[in-house]
Protein backbone atom coordinates (compact mmCIF):
# COMPACT_ATOMS: atom_id res chain seq x y z
CA MET A 1 10.50 -49.93 46.65
CA ASP A 2 6.70 -48.90 47.58
CA THR A 3 4.79 -51.66 45.89
CA SER A 4 1.50 -51.17 46.97
CA GLY A 5 -1.02 -51.27 44.06
CA ILE A 6 1.71 -52.62 41.77
CA GLY A 7 -0.54 -55.34 40.70
CA ARG A 8 -3.32 -52.89 39.52
CA ARG A 9 -0.48 -51.45 37.48
CA ILE A 10 0.70 -54.53 35.80
CA VAL A 11 -3.17 -55.05 34.65
CA TYR A 12 -3.25 -51.39 33.35
CA TRP A 13 0.11 -51.42 31.26
CA ARG A 14 -0.62 -55.34 30.32
CA GLU A 15 -4.02 -54.54 28.99
CA ARG A 16 -3.57 -51.42 27.13
CA ARG A 17 -0.76 -53.13 25.28
CA GLY A 18 -3.76 -55.60 24.48
CA PHE A 19 -1.77 -58.68 26.12
CA THR A 20 -4.16 -61.22 28.11
CA GLN A 21 -3.16 -62.60 30.60
CA THR A 22 -2.00 -65.89 28.74
CA ASP A 23 -0.24 -63.74 26.03
CA PHE A 24 1.51 -61.67 28.34
CA GLY A 25 2.71 -64.45 30.35
CA GLN A 26 4.21 -66.76 27.18
CA LEU A 27 6.28 -63.73 26.66
CA MET A 28 7.78 -63.76 30.07
CA GLY A 29 8.20 -67.43 30.05
CA GLN A 30 5.56 -68.09 32.62
CA THR A 31 1.97 -69.44 33.19
CA LYS A 32 -1.06 -67.40 33.27
CA HIS A 33 -1.62 -68.50 36.62
CA ARG A 34 1.87 -66.97 37.72
CA VAL A 35 0.72 -63.71 35.97
CA GLN A 36 -2.72 -63.83 37.95
CA ALA A 37 -0.75 -64.53 41.14
CA ILE A 38 1.65 -61.31 40.11
CA GLU A 39 -1.41 -59.17 39.29
CA GLY A 40 -3.44 -60.12 41.94
CA GLN A 41 -1.15 -60.15 45.34
CA ASN A 42 0.91 -56.97 46.90
CA GLY A 43 4.60 -56.74 46.65
CA SER A 44 5.82 -58.64 49.46
CA ARG A 45 3.82 -61.61 48.50
CA ILE A 46 5.07 -61.18 45.12
CA ARG A 47 8.49 -61.15 45.96
CA ALA A 48 8.04 -64.70 47.62
CA ALA A 49 6.49 -66.42 44.52
CA TYR A 50 8.50 -64.83 42.12
CA PRO A 51 12.02 -63.15 41.84
CA TRP A 52 10.64 -59.44 42.13
CA GLU A 53 13.82 -58.42 40.24
CA ASN A 54 12.85 -60.75 37.44
CA ALA A 55 9.73 -60.19 37.29
CA LEU A 56 9.48 -56.27 36.92
CA ALA A 57 12.59 -56.77 34.51
CA CYS A 58 10.24 -58.91 32.21
CA ILE A 59 7.21 -56.68 32.62
CA ARG A 60 9.22 -53.69 31.89
CA ARG A 61 10.15 -55.05 28.85
CA GLN A 62 7.31 -56.34 27.43
CA VAL A 63 5.04 -53.20 28.54
CA GLY A 64 7.72 -50.56 27.44
CA ALA A 65 6.90 -48.74 30.94
């Protein structure tokens, strides 16, 4: 899976849906700081910080992408 730019895509869809990082984190059961980490890092570092499949599944459910 090509994860380059995933953080930018998450920001795009989160903002498009009108969610703040805090709102988005609450919907996923995570903190604002976790959302910042996911959005601000490349895929390999995200995998180390948060189970990748779980993160993507939560994000897809919340933004409908």
